[in-house]
Amino acid sequence: MRRFSASTARIITACLVMCLCLGTAFGQAPKVDKAPLKMSEDVIEKSLTGLVKVQTRASPAARSSATLGMQREGSGILLSAKLVLTIGYLVMEADEVEITDHKGRKLPGKVAAFDQETGLGLVRLLAPAQGVPLVLGDAKALKENDSVLAVGARGNIASALIASRREFTGGWEYLLDNAIFTFPPIADWGGAALIEASGKLVGVGSLFVRDAAGNGTGLPGNMFVPIDILKPILDQLIETGQRKSAQRPWLGVTTFEDSDGVNVGRVSEGGPGDAAGLERGDIIISVGPTVVKTLAEFYRAVWSRGDAGVRVPLTITRGTRELTVSVRSIDRTSFFAVKTSH
């Protein structure tokens, strides 16, 4: 593990100054209404021991290998000596999992859970890791301009600012109501920990984004999944590998939005959308009677139809033609070979 001795506080303060300088360079400096993050070196050191490296391998035949790759690497967060929290795309369909703790010990693990709704995953270790597990904090309390630490397993640590709290939509049928966007970005974002002043975990790293502020200024940063959405289902995931509530309907289409509305960019081969005849380039006009112009409107309209398995009627345009397509939705985990140790 990369260690920070007496210079830790100075490094973090310098990072915060860099935040402000870069913000100005990109056209909008974040407004800081408070002093830099006050976190003791002891808290920082303990937090760093709770980060682990996650390495996974999926089969070439796994459906996610085409988009996520067969070999994946990122960070994970110790919730206990034998339980690791990480971002879900690292463990989705993984056959092999290896965890490296802060002492450099390589430990075998198994996927314990993957939750499509939150985008988070759990790994169960076959031997205990060394390190101090992180305590779950309160992401709801975070607001714009708050100071936090973003920490990856490979020694990447950055004093960051909350650039915005807002909705996030991913083209893979994914939506977060109140995602956390930070600035500046860290390179090792996948599965990274977002830590507040007392050392508690408030977010899990997911993506690099080009507009963390969400106002078109081009301020680069990271998107973190707020830890609060994990809390109600954590025990369920540990116990059974999945949430107890019914699964959302999944159509198997990757979409994006532009001035034309909701565009189909990719149709998963063998998925529900493919079976219904959806094609790349289709523009989705409505879900049943509900007109949709954005990804968020599209997803919410689909999910409001019922649980996985429900038929979802879509009105689309294909070239100059308007068509009606009925898609028999499924549970996404039944399409991908999501393996858990349960």
Protein backbone atom coordinates (compact mmCIF):
# COMPACT_ATOMS: atom_id res chain seq x y z
CA MET A 1 0.00 0.00 0.00
CA ARG A 2 1.24 3.48 -0.75
CA ARG A 3 1.67 5.24 2.61
CA PHE A 4 1.38 8.90 3.45
CA SER A 5 3.37 10.02 6.46
CA ALA A 6 3.50 13.51 7.93
CA SER A 7 3.06 15.04 4.48
CA THR A 8 -0.45 13.61 4.01
CA ALA A 9 -2.29 16.76 5.05
CA ARG A 10 -0.10 18.94 2.83
CA ILE A 11 -0.71 16.66 -0.16
CA ILE A 12 -4.46 16.78 0.33
CA THR A 13 -4.45 20.56 0.72
CA ALA A 14 -2.41 20.84 -2.49
CA CYS A 15 -4.92 18.62 -4.25
CA LEU A 16 -7.74 20.89 -3.16
CA VAL A 17 -5.88 23.92 -4.48
CA MET A 18 -5.46 22.04 -7.77
CA CYS A 19 -9.24 21.50 -7.80
CA LEU A 20 -9.76 25.24 -7.72
CA CYS A 21 -7.09 26.01 -10.33
CA LEU A 22 -8.38 23.38 -12.74
CA GLY A 23 -11.93 24.56 -12.20
CA THR A 24 -10.89 28.04 -13.26
CA ALA A 25 -9.07 26.63 -16.29
CA PHE A 26 -12.22 24.86 -17.40
CA GLY A 27 -14.25 28.03 -17.11
CA GLN A 28 -15.94 27.61 -13.75
CA ALA A 29 -14.22 27.33 -10.41
CA PRO A 30 -16.30 25.53 -7.81
CA LYS A 31 -17.39 27.87 -5.05
CA VAL A 32 -15.89 26.77 -1.76
CA ASP A 33 -17.77 28.08 1.24
CA LYS A 34 -15.87 26.12 3.86
CA ALA A 35 -12.35 25.08 4.81
CA PRO A 36 -10.71 22.10 3.10
CA LEU A 37 -11.64 18.63 4.29
CA LYS A 38 -10.52 18.13 7.88
CA MET A 39 -9.53 14.50 8.25
CA SER A 40 -6.83 13.21 10.56
CA GLU A 41 -3.92 11.28 9.13
CA ASP A 42 -4.95 8.32 11.28
CA VAL A 43 -8.40 8.26 9.68
CA ILE A 44 -6.88 8.52 6.22
CA GLU A 45 -4.42 5.70 6.87
CA LYS A 46 -7.17 3.43 8.22
CA SER A 47 -9.37 4.23 5.23
CA LEU A 48 -6.60 3.29 2.82
CA THR A 49 -6.22 -0.13 4.45
CA GLY A 50 -9.89 -0.79 3.64
CA LEU A 51 -9.29 -0.54 -0.12
CA VAL A 52 -8.47 -3.66 -2.11
CA LYS A 53 -7.65 -4.39 -5.74
CA VAL A 54 -10.24 -6.43 -7.61
CA GLN A 55 -9.23 -8.57 -10.60
CA THR A 56 -11.79 -10.72 -12.38
CA ARG A 57 -12.01 -12.90 -15.45
CA ALA A 58 -15.11 -13.81 -17.44
CA SER A 59 -15.48 -16.55 -20.02
CA PRO A 60 -15.10 -15.61 -23.71
CA ALA A 61 -18.64 -16.95 -24.08
CA ALA A 62 -20.02 -14.56 -21.46
CA ARG A 63 -22.34 -12.04 -23.09
CA SER A 64 -20.79 -9.14 -21.19
CA SER A 65 -17.27 -9.98 -22.42
CA ALA A 66 -17.96 -8.29 -25.76
CA THR A 67 -18.51 -4.91 -24.09
CA LEU A 68 -16.73 -5.16 -20.73
CA GLY A 69 -13.86 -7.44 -21.74
CA MET A 70 -12.89 -10.81 -20.31
CA GLN A 71 -10.30 -9.46 -17.87
CA ARG A 72 -11.32 -6.58 -15.62
CA GLU A 73 -9.57 -4.69 -12.87
CA GLY A 74 -10.56 -2.03 -10.39
CA SER A 75 -10.97 -1.30 -6.71
CA GLY A 76 -13.05 -2.74 -3.93
CA ILE A 77 -13.99 -1.72 -0.41
CA LEU A 78 -13.83 -3.95 2.66
CA LEU A 79 -17.18 -4.15 4.45
CA SER A 80 -15.80 -6.94 6.64
CA ALA A 81 -12.69 -9.13 6.60
CA LYS A 82 -14.35 -11.47 4.09
CA LEU A 83 -16.77 -9.19 2.22
CA VAL A 84 -15.87 -6.69 -0.50
CA LEU A 85 -18.13 -4.08 -2.09
CA THR A 86 -17.33 -2.98 -5.64
CA ILE A 87 -18.91 -1.67 -8.80
CA GLY A 88 -21.00 -4.31 -10.51
CA TYR A 89 -19.43 -4.32 -13.97
CA LEU A 90 -16.21 -5.72 -12.51
CA VAL A 91 -17.91 -8.88 -11.24
CA MET A 92 -20.75 -9.36 -13.73
CA GLU A 93 -20.50 -12.91 -15.19
CA ALA A 94 -17.06 -13.33 -13.61
CA ASP A 95 -15.78 -16.91 -13.31
CA GLU A 96 -12.61 -16.00 -11.42
CA VAL A 97 -12.09 -13.34 -8.75
CA GLU A 98 -8.84 -12.36 -7.05
CA ILE A 99 -8.57 -9.73 -4.34
CA THR A 100 -5.30 -8.07 -3.30
CA ASP A 101 -5.39 -6.43 0.12
CA HIS A 102 -3.31 -3.46 1.25
CA LYS A 103 -0.54 -5.79 2.44
CA GLY A 104 -0.21 -7.20 -1.08
CA ARG A 105 -1.77 -10.55 -0.15
CA LYS A 106 -3.66 -12.15 -3.05
CA LEU A 107 -6.88 -13.80 -1.93
CA PRO A 108 -9.37 -15.89 -3.91
CA GLY A 109 -12.98 -14.79 -3.91
CA LYS A 110 -16.38 -15.55 -5.35
CA VAL A 111 -19.09 -13.23 -6.61
CA ALA A 112 -21.62 -12.97 -3.78
CA ALA A 113 -24.09 -10.62 -5.46
CA PHE A 114 -24.73 -8.39 -8.44
CA ASP A 115 -27.57 -5.88 -8.32
CA GLN A 116 -28.58 -4.37 -11.63
CA GLU A 117 -30.71 -1.63 -10.10
CA THR A 118 -27.90 -0.06 -8.07
CA GLY A 119 -25.06 -1.22 -10.30
CA LEU A 120 -23.17 -2.60 -7.28
CA GLY A 121 -21.63 -5.98 -6.59
CA LEU A 122 -20.31 -7.99 -3.65
CA VAL A 123 -17.39 -10.41 -3.44
CA ARG A 124 -17.08 -13.03 -0.71
CA LEU A 125 -13.48 -13.83 0.20
CA LEU A 126 -12.39 -17.40 0.88
CA ALA A 127 -9.77 -16.12 3.36
CA PRO A 128 -9.85 -12.94 5.46
CA ALA A 129 -8.21 -9.79 4.14
CA GLN A 130 -6.10 -7.52 6.31
CA GLY A 131 -7.38 -3.99 6.67
CA VAL A 132 -9.94 -1.89 8.50
CA PRO A 133 -13.42 -2.25 6.97
CA LEU A 134 -15.13 1.00 6.06
CA VAL A 135 -18.32 2.04 7.83
CA LEU A 136 -21.28 3.10 5.70
CA GLY A 137 -21.99 6.82 5.95
CA ASP A 138 -24.83 9.12 4.91
CA ALA A 139 -24.67 10.16 1.26
CA LYS A 140 -27.90 12.14 1.56
CA ALA A 141 -26.04 14.72 3.63
CA LEU A 142 -23.60 15.47 0.80
CA LYS A 143 -24.21 18.64 -1.16
CA GLU A 144 -22.50 20.69 -3.83
CA ASN A 145 -19.07 22.07 -2.83
CA ASP A 146 -18.61 19.64 0.07
CA SER A 147 -15.07 18.27 0.40
CA VAL A 148 -14.46 14.51 0.22
CA LEU A 149 -11.69 12.01 -0.45
CA ALA A 150 -11.74 9.76 -3.51
CA VAL A 151 -9.53 6.71 -2.98
CA GLY A 152 -8.58 3.87 -5.31
CA ALA A 153 -6.79 0.63 -4.45
CA ARG A 154 -3.60 1.41 -6.35
CA GLY A 155 -2.62 4.35 -4.17
CA ASN A 156 -4.69 6.89 -6.07
CA ILE A 157 -6.03 9.43 -3.60
CA ALA A 158 -7.52 12.82 -4.35
CA SER A 159 -9.09 15.50 -2.26
CA ALA A 160 -12.22 16.24 -4.25
CA LEU A 161 -15.25 18.47 -4.28
CA ILE A 162 -18.86 17.53 -4.84
CA ALA A 163 -19.45 19.13 -8.24
CA SER A 164 -23.17 18.26 -8.35
CA ARG A 165 -25.89 15.95 -7.08
CA ARG A 166 -28.29 15.03 -9.86
CA GLU A 167 -29.96 12.35 -11.90
CA PHE A 168 -27.79 10.03 -13.97
CA THR A 169 -28.98 7.91 -16.87
CA GLY A 170 -26.87 5.24 -18.55
CA GLY A 171 -27.75 3.92 -21.98
CA TRP A 172 -27.77 0.34 -20.66
CA GLU A 173 -31.21 0.75 -18.97
CA TYR A 174 -29.76 2.28 -15.80
CA LEU A 175 -30.87 5.29 -13.79
CA LEU A 176 -29.81 6.87 -10.50
CA ASP A 177 -32.07 9.51 -8.99
CA ASN A 178 -29.36 11.38 -7.09
CA ALA A 179 -25.88 10.39 -8.25
CA ILE A 180 -22.74 11.99 -6.83
CA PHE A 181 -20.43 13.84 -9.23
CA THR A 182 -16.96 14.85 -8.05
CA PHE A 183 -14.04 16.94 -9.30
CA PRO A 184 -11.16 16.45 -10.09
CA PRO A 185 -11.29 12.92 -11.52
CA ILE A 186 -9.13 10.06 -10.29
CA ALA A 187 -7.74 7.56 -12.77
CA ASP A 188 -8.65 4.47 -10.75
CA TRP A 189 -12.38 5.21 -10.49
CA GLY A 190 -13.98 1.77 -10.96
CA GLY A 191 -14.96 0.60 -7.46
CA ALA A 192 -13.14 3.49 -5.76
CA ALA A 193 -14.29 4.72 -2.35
CA LEU A 194 -15.74 8.17 -1.71
CA ILE A 195 -15.06 9.05 1.90
CA GLU A 196 -16.38 11.92 4.02
CA ALA A 197 -14.56 13.77 6.80
CA SER A 198 -15.15 11.20 9.55
CA GLY A 199 -13.83 8.39 7.35
CA LYS A 200 -17.19 6.86 6.45
CA LEU A 201 -18.01 5.52 3.00
CA VAL A 202 -20.54 7.59 1.06
CA GLY A 203 -20.10 6.43 -2.54
CA VAL A 204 -18.68 3.78 -4.88
CA GLY A 205 -16.85 4.87 -8.03
CA SER A 206 -18.49 4.08 -11.34
CA LEU A 207 -17.47 6.29 -14.26
CA PHE A 208 -15.33 9.07 -15.66
CA VAL A 209 -17.54 11.93 -16.85
CA ARG A 210 -16.75 14.95 -18.99
CA ASP A 211 -19.22 17.31 -17.33
CA ALA A 212 -19.25 16.75 -13.58
CA ALA A 213 -21.01 20.03 -12.88
CA GLY A 214 -23.79 19.20 -15.33
CA ASN A 215 -23.93 22.70 -16.76
CA GLY A 216 -22.05 22.22 -20.02
CA THR A 217 -18.76 23.72 -18.84
CA GLY A 218 -16.79 20.56 -19.58
CA LEU A 219 -15.50 20.07 -16.04
CA PRO A 220 -14.13 16.48 -15.93
CA GLY A 221 -14.82 14.28 -12.95
CA ASN A 222 -16.22 11.01 -11.69
CA MET A 223 -19.67 9.66 -10.98
CA PHE A 224 -20.15 7.77 -7.72
CA VAL A 225 -23.08 5.56 -6.75
CA PRO A 226 -24.45 6.89 -3.43
CA ILE A 227 -24.10 4.33 -0.65
CA ASP A 228 -27.61 5.03 0.67
CA ILE A 229 -29.25 2.98 -2.09
CA LEU A 230 -27.29 -0.08 -0.97
CA LYS A 231 -28.33 0.05 2.69
CA PRO A 232 -31.92 -1.24 2.36
CA ILE A 233 -30.84 -4.28 0.34
CA LEU A 234 -27.38 -5.10 1.71
CA ASP A 235 -28.55 -7.86 4.04
CA GLN A 236 -30.65 -9.35 1.23
CA LEU A 237 -27.67 -9.38 -1.14
CA ILE A 238 -25.45 -11.00 1.48
CA GLU A 239 -28.05 -13.64 2.31
CA THR A 240 -29.36 -14.58 -1.14
CA GLY A 241 -27.26 -12.77 -3.75
CA GLN A 242 -30.18 -10.63 -4.93
CA ARG A 243 -32.81 -8.18 -3.71
CA LYS A 244 -36.11 -9.61 -2.52
CA SER A 245 -38.29 -7.20 -4.49
CA ALA A 246 -39.41 -8.10 -8.01
CA GLN A 247 -36.95 -7.32 -10.79
CA ARG A 248 -37.52 -4.50 -13.24
CA PRO A 249 -38.44 -5.29 -16.85
CA TRP A 250 -35.40 -5.30 -19.16
CA LEU A 251 -35.63 -4.83 -22.93
CA GLY A 252 -32.04 -5.49 -23.99
CA VAL A 253 -31.46 -2.23 -25.85
CA THR A 254 -28.74 0.37 -25.48
CA THR A 255 -30.11 3.84 -26.12
CA PHE A 256 -28.99 7.45 -26.30
CA GLU A 257 -30.84 10.71 -26.54
CA ASP A 258 -30.44 13.58 -28.98
CA SER A 259 -32.67 16.19 -30.62
CA ASP A 260 -34.70 13.38 -32.23
CA GLY A 261 -35.47 11.80 -28.85
CA VAL A 262 -34.60 8.29 -27.64
CA ASN A 263 -32.45 6.46 -30.20
CA VAL A 264 -31.65 2.75 -30.25
CA GLY A 265 -27.87 2.47 -30.54
CA ARG A 266 -27.53 -1.27 -29.99
CA VAL A 267 -29.81 -4.28 -29.63
CA SER A 268 -28.51 -7.21 -27.55
CA GLU A 269 -28.47 -10.28 -29.76
CA GLY A 270 -30.96 -12.83 -28.46
CA GLY A 271 -32.48 -10.34 -26.04
CA PRO A 272 -36.11 -9.21 -25.75
CA GLY A 273 -35.70 -6.23 -28.08
CA ASP A 274 -34.03 -8.41 -30.69
CA ALA A 275 -36.84 -10.97 -30.48
CA ALA A 276 -39.41 -8.20 -30.95
CA GLY A 277 -37.66 -6.87 -34.05
CA LEU A 278 -36.12 -3.66 -32.73
CA GLU A 279 -33.19 -2.41 -34.79
CA ARG A 280 -30.30 -0.03 -34.39
CA GLY A 281 -31.40 3.40 -35.57
CA ASP A 282 -35.00 3.06 -34.39
CA ILE A 283 -36.32 6.10 -32.54
CA ILE A 284 -38.62 5.33 -29.61
CA ILE A 285 -41.57 7.73 -29.58
CA SER A 286 -43.72 6.34 -26.78
CA VAL A 287 -44.18 3.52 -24.29
CA GLY A 288 -47.86 2.68 -24.51
CA PRO A 289 -49.62 6.07 -24.37
CA THR A 290 -46.67 7.79 -22.68
CA VAL A 291 -44.58 9.96 -25.00
CA VAL A 292 -40.86 9.83 -24.13
CA LYS A 293 -38.19 12.35 -25.09
CA THR A 294 -35.38 11.45 -22.69
CA LEU A 295 -33.76 8.28 -21.39
CA ALA A 296 -35.15 8.93 -17.92
CA GLU A 297 -38.69 9.26 -19.29
CA PHE A 298 -38.20 6.09 -21.34
CA TYR A 299 -36.92 4.01 -18.43
CA ARG A 300 -39.55 5.17 -15.97
CA ALA A 301 -42.31 4.52 -18.50
CA VAL A 302 -41.02 0.97 -19.10
CA TRP A 303 -40.60 0.21 -15.40
CA SER A 304 -44.07 1.55 -14.61
CA ARG A 305 -45.61 -1.18 -16.80
CA GLY A 306 -44.94 -3.85 -14.18
CA ASP A 307 -42.32 -6.41 -13.20
CA ALA A 308 -39.93 -8.34 -15.42
CA GLY A 309 -41.92 -10.46 -17.86
CA VAL A 310 -44.51 -7.80 -18.65
CA ARG A 311 -45.15 -6.90 -22.29
CA VAL A 312 -44.01 -3.38 -23.15
CA PRO A 313 -45.69 -1.73 -26.17
CA LEU A 314 -43.43 0.71 -28.01
CA THR A 315 -44.19 3.15 -30.79
CA ILE A 316 -41.10 3.74 -32.91
CA THR A 317 -40.07 5.45 -36.11
CA ARG A 318 -37.85 3.60 -38.56
CA GLY A 319 -36.89 5.87 -41.39
CA THR A 320 -40.16 7.37 -42.60
CA ARG A 321 -42.36 4.65 -41.09
CA GLU A 322 -44.08 4.60 -37.72
CA LEU A 323 -44.35 1.13 -36.18
CA THR A 324 -45.75 -0.45 -33.04
CA VAL A 325 -43.63 -3.14 -31.39
CA SER A 326 -44.53 -5.29 -28.38
CA VAL A 327 -41.50 -6.39 -26.35
CA ARG A 328 -41.78 -9.24 -23.86
CA SER A 329 -39.44 -8.02 -21.12
CA ILE A 330 -37.29 -10.27 -18.95
CA ASP A 331 -35.19 -10.10 -15.80
CA ARG A 332 -31.76 -8.96 -16.94
CA THR A 333 -29.99 -11.48 -14.72
CA SER A 334 -31.68 -14.31 -16.63
CA PHE A 335 -30.02 -13.09 -19.84
CA PHE A 336 -26.53 -12.75 -18.44
CA ALA A 337 -24.89 -15.67 -16.66
CA VAL A 338 -24.68 -13.89 -13.33
CA LYS A 339 -22.88 -16.30 -11.01
CA THR A 340 -23.07 -15.95 -7.24
CA SER A 341 -21.80 -18.15 -4.44
CA HIS A 342 -25.31 -18.84 -3.11
